[in-house]
Amino acid sequence: MLEDNYLYIKAIVDQQNLGRVEEMAKYQSILQDNLMKLASLADSQPGANAGPAPAAPPAVSA
């Protein structure tokens, strides 16, 4: 499903760049449904409510 979501995000960007709002909205809706399913799965896992994830280390600029 993660690979599918990546492809949906690419399709959304492509459709947006082409000005195809209706097609973009279709892919966006599918992506949102998939993200809700993933969130539901994550919430149902043991330890899902253990607290926030640790913060990412700050980015180092060159």
PDB file of N, CA and C in Angstrom:
ATOM      1  N   MET A   1       0.822  -1.192   0.000  1.00  0.00           N
ATOM      2  CA  MET A   1       0.000   0.000   0.000  1.00  0.00           C
ATOM      3  C   MET A   1       0.872   1.265   0.000  1.00  0.00           C
ATOM      4  N   LEU A   2       2.032   1.185   0.624  1.00  0.00           N
ATOM      5  CA  LEU A   2       2.907   2.361   0.648  1.00  0.00           C
ATOM      6  C   LEU A   2       3.392   2.717  -0.751  1.00  0.00           C
ATOM      7  N   GLU A   3       3.723   1.696  -1.532  1.00  0.00           N
ATOM      8  CA  GLU A   3       4.143   1.945  -2.918  1.00  0.00           C
ATOM      9  C   GLU A   3       2.989   2.545  -3.723  1.00  0.00           C
ATOM     10  N   ASP A   4       1.783   2.031  -3.494  1.00  0.00           N
ATOM     11  CA  ASP A   4       0.601   2.590  -4.165  1.00  0.00           C
ATOM     12  C   ASP A   4       0.430   4.059  -3.807  1.00  0.00           C
ATOM     13  N   ASN A   5       0.589   4.373  -2.526  1.00  0.00           N
ATOM     14  CA  ASN A   5       0.429   5.762  -2.093  1.00  0.00           C
ATOM     15  C   ASN A   5       1.469   6.667  -2.744  1.00  0.00           C
ATOM     16  N   TYR A   6       2.683   6.168  -2.876  1.00  0.00           N
ATOM     17  CA  TYR A   6       3.727   6.931  -3.559  1.00  0.00           C
ATOM     18  C   TYR A   6       3.302   7.231  -4.996  1.00  0.00           C
ATOM     19  N   LEU A   7       2.762   6.226  -5.665  1.00  0.00           N
ATOM     20  CA  LEU A   7       2.314   6.417  -7.048  1.00  0.00           C
ATOM     21  C   LEU A   7       1.132   7.381  -7.123  1.00  0.00           C
ATOM     22  N   TYR A   8       0.232   7.316  -6.140  1.00  0.00           N
ATOM     23  CA  TYR A   8      -0.894   8.260  -6.117  1.00  0.00           C
ATOM     24  C   TYR A   8      -0.400   9.689  -5.922  1.00  0.00           C
ATOM     25  N   ILE A   9       0.586   9.872  -5.065  1.00  0.00           N
ATOM     26  CA  ILE A   9       1.137  11.215  -4.848  1.00  0.00           C
ATOM     27  C   ILE A   9       1.755  11.742  -6.143  1.00  0.00           C
ATOM     28  N   LYS A  10       2.501  10.883  -6.833  1.00  0.00           N
ATOM     29  CA  LYS A  10       3.077  11.296  -8.116  1.00  0.00           C
ATOM     30  C   LYS A  10       1.980  11.654  -9.112  1.00  0.00           C
ATOM     31  N   ALA A  11       0.919  10.848  -9.160  1.00  0.00           N
ATOM     32  CA  ALA A  11      -0.182  11.114 -10.084  1.00  0.00           C
ATOM     33  C   ALA A  11      -0.876  12.424  -9.735  1.00  0.00           C
ATOM     34  N   ILE A  12      -1.035  12.699  -8.445  1.00  0.00           N
ATOM     35  CA  ILE A  12      -1.661  13.954  -8.012  1.00  0.00           C
ATOM     36  C   ILE A  12      -0.840  15.138  -8.494  1.00  0.00           C
ATOM     37  N   VAL A  13       0.470  15.069  -8.305  1.00  0.00           N
ATOM     38  CA  VAL A  13       1.349  16.163  -8.741  1.00  0.00           C
ATOM     39  C   VAL A  13       1.283  16.327 -10.255  1.00  0.00           C
ATOM     40  N   ASP A  14       1.345  15.207 -10.971  1.00  0.00           N
ATOM     41  CA  ASP A  14       1.283  15.271 -12.436  1.00  0.00           C
ATOM     42  C   ASP A  14      -0.021  15.902 -12.912  1.00  0.00           C
ATOM     43  N   GLN A  15      -1.133  15.448 -12.346  1.00  0.00           N
ATOM     44  CA  GLN A  15      -2.435  15.972 -12.759  1.00  0.00           C
ATOM     45  C   GLN A  15      -2.568  17.454 -12.400  1.00  0.00           C
ATOM     46  N   GLN A  16      -2.043  17.824 -11.246  1.00  0.00           N
ATOM     47  CA  GLN A  16      -2.090  19.229 -10.842  1.00  0.00           C
ATOM     48  C   GLN A  16      -1.277  20.083 -11.812  1.00  0.00           C
ATOM     49  N   ASN A  17      -0.105  19.608 -12.193  1.00  0.00           N
ATOM     50  CA  ASN A  17       0.735  20.355 -13.128  1.00  0.00           C
ATOM     51  C   ASN A  17       0.092  20.492 -14.499  1.00  0.00           C
ATOM     52  N   LEU A  18      -0.749  19.512 -14.860  1.00  0.00           N
ATOM     53  CA  LEU A  18      -1.444  19.559 -16.144  1.00  0.00           C
ATOM     54  C   LEU A  18      -2.768  20.319 -16.061  1.00  0.00           C
ATOM     55  N   GLY A  19      -3.136  20.751 -14.860  1.00  0.00           N
ATOM     56  CA  GLY A  19      -4.380  21.490 -14.676  1.00  0.00           C
ATOM     57  C   GLY A  19      -5.620  20.614 -14.704  1.00  0.00           C
ATOM     58  N   ARG A  20      -5.457  19.336 -14.483  1.00  0.00           N
ATOM     59  CA  ARG A  20      -6.579  18.385 -14.501  1.00  0.00           C
ATOM     60  C   ARG A  20      -7.106  18.202 -13.081  1.00  0.00           C
ATOM     61  N   VAL A  21      -7.943  19.118 -12.673  1.00  0.00           N
ATOM     62  CA  VAL A  21      -8.410  19.167 -11.287  1.00  0.00           C
ATOM     63  C   VAL A  21      -9.266  17.957 -10.931  1.00  0.00           C
ATOM     64  N   GLU A  22     -10.161  17.541 -11.824  1.00  0.00           N
ATOM     65  CA  GLU A  22     -11.042  16.412 -11.509  1.00  0.00           C
ATOM     66  C   GLU A  22     -10.250  15.119 -11.323  1.00  0.00           C
ATOM     67  N   GLU A  23      -9.293  14.862 -12.205  1.00  0.00           N
ATOM     68  CA  GLU A  23      -8.469  13.666 -12.074  1.00  0.00           C
ATOM     69  C   GLU A  23      -7.615  13.732 -10.816  1.00  0.00           C
ATOM     70  N   MET A  24      -7.090  14.910 -10.519  1.00  0.00           N
ATOM     71  CA  MET A  24      -6.289  15.095  -9.320  1.00  0.00           C
ATOM     72  C   MET A  24      -7.125  14.779  -8.079  1.00  0.00           C
ATOM     73  N   ALA A  25      -8.349  15.262  -8.050  1.00  0.00           N
ATOM     74  CA  ALA A  25      -9.220  15.037  -6.899  1.00  0.00           C
ATOM     75  C   ALA A  25      -9.535  13.553  -6.721  1.00  0.00           C
ATOM     76  N   LYS A  26      -9.663  12.832  -7.831  1.00  0.00           N
ATOM     77  CA  LYS A  26      -9.936  11.394  -7.757  1.00  0.00           C
ATOM     78  C   LYS A  26      -8.776  10.673  -7.071  1.00  0.00           C
ATOM     79  N   TYR A  27      -7.553  10.964  -7.502  1.00  0.00           N
ATOM     80  CA  TYR A  27      -6.381  10.335  -6.891  1.00  0.00           C
ATOM     81  C   TYR A  27      -6.208  10.773  -5.437  1.00  0.00           C
ATOM     82  N   GLN A  28      -6.520  12.019  -5.165  1.00  0.00           N
ATOM     83  CA  GLN A  28      -6.395  12.548  -3.806  1.00  0.00           C
ATOM     84  C   GLN A  28      -7.358  11.823  -2.863  1.00  0.00           C
ATOM     85  N   SER A  29      -8.562  11.544  -3.342  1.00  0.00           N
ATOM     86  CA  SER A  29      -9.547  10.838  -2.533  1.00  0.00           C
ATOM     87  C   SER A  29      -9.086   9.412  -2.229  1.00  0.00           C
ATOM     88  N   ILE A  30      -8.544   8.735  -3.231  1.00  0.00           N
ATOM     89  CA  ILE A  30      -8.034   7.374  -3.025  1.00  0.00           C
ATOM     90  C   ILE A  30      -6.881   7.390  -2.030  1.00  0.00           C
ATOM     91  N   LEU A  31      -5.978   8.355  -2.181  1.00  0.00           N
ATOM     92  CA  LEU A  31      -4.845   8.481  -1.262  1.00  0.00           C
ATOM     93  C   LEU A  31      -5.332   8.710   0.162  1.00  0.00           C
ATOM     94  N   GLN A  32      -6.308   9.576   0.320  1.00  0.00           N
ATOM     95  CA  GLN A  32      -6.837   9.857   1.656  1.00  0.00           C
ATOM     96  C   GLN A  32      -7.439   8.599   2.277  1.00  0.00           C
ATOM     97  N   ASP A  33      -8.183   7.824   1.490  1.00  0.00           N
ATOM     98  CA  ASP A  33      -8.749   6.570   1.997  1.00  0.00           C
ATOM     99  C   ASP A  33      -7.643   5.619   2.453  1.00  0.00           C
ATOM    100  N   ASN A  34      -6.594   5.497   1.636  1.00  0.00           N
ATOM    101  CA  ASN A  34      -5.480   4.621   1.998  1.00  0.00           C
ATOM    102  C   ASN A  34      -4.788   5.091   3.273  1.00  0.00           C
ATOM    103  N   LEU A  35      -4.595   6.393   3.408  1.00  0.00           N
ATOM    104  CA  LEU A  35      -3.949   6.922   4.610  1.00  0.00           C
ATOM    105  C   LEU A  35      -4.804   6.687   5.850  1.00  0.00           C
ATOM    106  N   MET A  36      -6.114   6.785   5.695  1.00  0.00           N
ATOM    107  CA  MET A  36      -7.006   6.514   6.828  1.00  0.00           C
ATOM    108  C   MET A  36      -6.926   5.039   7.229  1.00  0.00           C
ATOM    109  N   LYS A  37      -6.836   4.141   6.247  1.00  0.00           N
ATOM    110  CA  LYS A  37      -6.695   2.715   6.546  1.00  0.00           C
ATOM    111  C   LYS A  37      -5.384   2.453   7.284  1.00  0.00           C
ATOM    112  N   LEU A  38      -4.308   3.071   6.811  1.00  0.00           N
ATOM    113  CA  LEU A  38      -3.016   2.893   7.479  1.00  0.00           C
ATOM    114  C   LEU A  38      -3.042   3.438   8.902  1.00  0.00           C
ATOM    115  N   ALA A  39      -3.671   4.581   9.092  1.00  0.00           N
ATOM    116  CA  ALA A  39      -3.772   5.161  10.434  1.00  0.00           C
ATOM    117  C   ALA A  39      -4.580   4.258  11.350  1.00  0.00           C
ATOM    118  N   SER A  40      -5.650   3.695  10.826  1.00  0.00           N
ATOM    119  CA  SER A  40      -6.478   2.788  11.611  1.00  0.00           C
ATOM    120  C   SER A  40      -5.690   1.539  12.004  1.00  0.00           C
ATOM    121  N   LEU A  41      -4.925   1.009  11.065  1.00  0.00           N
ATOM    122  CA  LEU A  41      -4.077  -0.145  11.371  1.00  0.00           C
ATOM    123  C   LEU A  41      -3.047   0.191  12.443  1.00  0.00           C
ATOM    124  N   ALA A  42      -2.423   1.335  12.318  1.00  0.00           N
ATOM    125  CA  ALA A  42      -1.416   1.750  13.295  1.00  0.00           C
ATOM    126  C   ALA A  42      -2.038   1.925  14.674  1.00  0.00           C
ATOM    127  N   ASP A  43      -3.233   2.492  14.723  1.00  0.00           N
ATOM    128  CA  ASP A  43      -3.902   2.707  16.004  1.00  0.00           C
ATOM    129  C   ASP A  43      -4.302   1.394  16.666  1.00  0.00           C
ATOM    130  N   SER A  44      -4.538   0.356  15.876  1.00  0.00           N
ATOM    131  CA  SER A  44      -4.981  -0.916  16.438  1.00  0.00           C
ATOM    132  C   SER A  44      -3.821  -1.793  16.905  1.00  0.00           C
ATOM    133  N   GLN A  45      -2.593  -1.390  16.641  1.00  0.00           N
ATOM    134  CA  GLN A  45      -1.420  -2.171  17.033  1.00  0.00           C
ATOM    135  C   GLN A  45      -1.142  -1.988  18.523  1.00  0.00           C
ATOM    136  N   PRO A  46      -0.684  -3.059  19.188  1.00  0.00           N
ATOM    137  CA  PRO A  46      -0.314  -2.923  20.605  1.00  0.00           C
ATOM    138  C   PRO A  46       0.778  -1.871  20.770  1.00  0.00           C
ATOM    139  N   GLY A  47       0.626  -1.049  21.774  1.00  0.00           N
ATOM    140  CA  GLY A  47       1.606  -0.007  22.035  1.00  0.00           C
ATOM    141  C   GLY A  47       1.440   1.209  21.148  1.00  0.00           C
ATOM    142  N   ALA A  48       0.355   1.265  20.386  1.00  0.00           N
ATOM    143  CA  ALA A  48       0.152   2.389  19.467  1.00  0.00           C
ATOM    144  C   ALA A  48      -0.042   3.694  20.222  1.00  0.00           C
ATOM    145  N   ASN A  49      -0.523   3.616  21.444  1.00  0.00           N
ATOM    146  CA  ASN A  49      -0.775   4.829  22.225  1.00  0.00           C
ATOM    147  C   ASN A  49       0.310   5.041  23.274  1.00  0.00           C
ATOM    148  N   ALA A  50       1.508   4.580  22.981  1.00  0.00           N
ATOM    149  CA  ALA A  50       2.607   4.674  23.940  1.00  0.00           C
ATOM    150  C   ALA A  50       3.152   6.084  24.071  1.00  0.00           C
ATOM    151  N   GLY A  51       2.786   6.965  23.185  1.00  0.00           N
ATOM    152  CA  GLY A  51       3.277   8.332  23.249  1.00  0.00           C
ATOM    153  C   GLY A  51       3.808   8.769  21.907  1.00  0.00           C
ATOM    154  N   PRO A  52       4.206  10.020  21.833  1.00  0.00           N
ATOM    155  CA  PRO A  52       4.697  10.535  20.553  1.00  0.00           C
ATOM    156  C   PRO A  52       6.040   9.915  20.172  1.00  0.00           C
ATOM    157  N   ALA A  53       6.284   9.862  18.893  1.00  0.00           N
ATOM    158  CA  ALA A  53       7.560   9.351  18.392  1.00  0.00           C
ATOM    159  C   ALA A  53       8.660  10.341  18.742  1.00  0.00           C
ATOM    160  N   PRO A  54       9.872   9.857  18.918  1.00  0.00           N
ATOM    161  CA  PRO A  54      10.969  10.785  19.216  1.00  0.00           C
ATOM    162  C   PRO A  54      11.186  11.750  18.055  1.00  0.00           C
ATOM    163  N   ALA A  55      11.599  12.938  18.394  1.00  0.00           N
ATOM    164  CA  ALA A  55      11.828  13.967  17.375  1.00  0.00           C
ATOM    165  C   ALA A  55      13.038  13.606  16.532  1.00  0.00           C
ATOM    166  N   ALA A  56      12.977  13.972  15.272  1.00  0.00           N
ATOM    167  CA  ALA A  56      14.103  13.747  14.371  1.00  0.00           C
ATOM    168  C   ALA A  56      15.223  14.711  14.727  1.00  0.00           C
ATOM    169  N   PRO A  57      16.457  14.287  14.543  1.00  0.00           N
ATOM    170  CA  PRO A  57      17.563  15.205  14.828  1.00  0.00           C
ATOM    171  C   PRO A  57      17.527  16.385  13.863  1.00  0.00           C
ATOM    172  N   PRO A  58      18.013  17.531  14.293  1.00  0.00           N
ATOM    173  CA  PRO A  58      17.996  18.702  13.412  1.00  0.00           C
ATOM    174  C   PRO A  58      18.875  18.484  12.185  1.00  0.00           C
ATOM    175  N   ALA A  59      18.474  19.076  11.086  1.00  0.00           N
ATOM    176  CA  ALA A  59      19.240  18.966   9.844  1.00  0.00           C
ATOM    177  C   ALA A  59      20.518  19.782   9.961  1.00  0.00           C
ATOM    178  N   VAL A  60      21.559  19.250   9.396  1.00  0.00           N
ATOM    179  CA  VAL A  60      22.847  19.938   9.405  1.00  0.00           C
ATOM    180  C   VAL A  60      23.033  20.578   8.046  1.00  0.00           C
ATOM    181  N   SER A  61      23.234  21.893   8.040  1.00  0.00           N
ATOM    182  CA  SER A  61      23.448  22.573   6.762  1.00  0.00           C
ATOM    183  C   SER A  61      24.933  22.606   6.445  1.00  0.00           C
ATOM    184  N   ALA A  62      25.212  22.560   5.168  1.00  0.00           N
ATOM    185  CA  ALA A  62      26.616  22.529   4.738  1.00  0.00           C
ATOM    186  C   ALA A  62      27.192  23.901   4.628  1.00  0.00           C
TER     187      ALA A  62
END
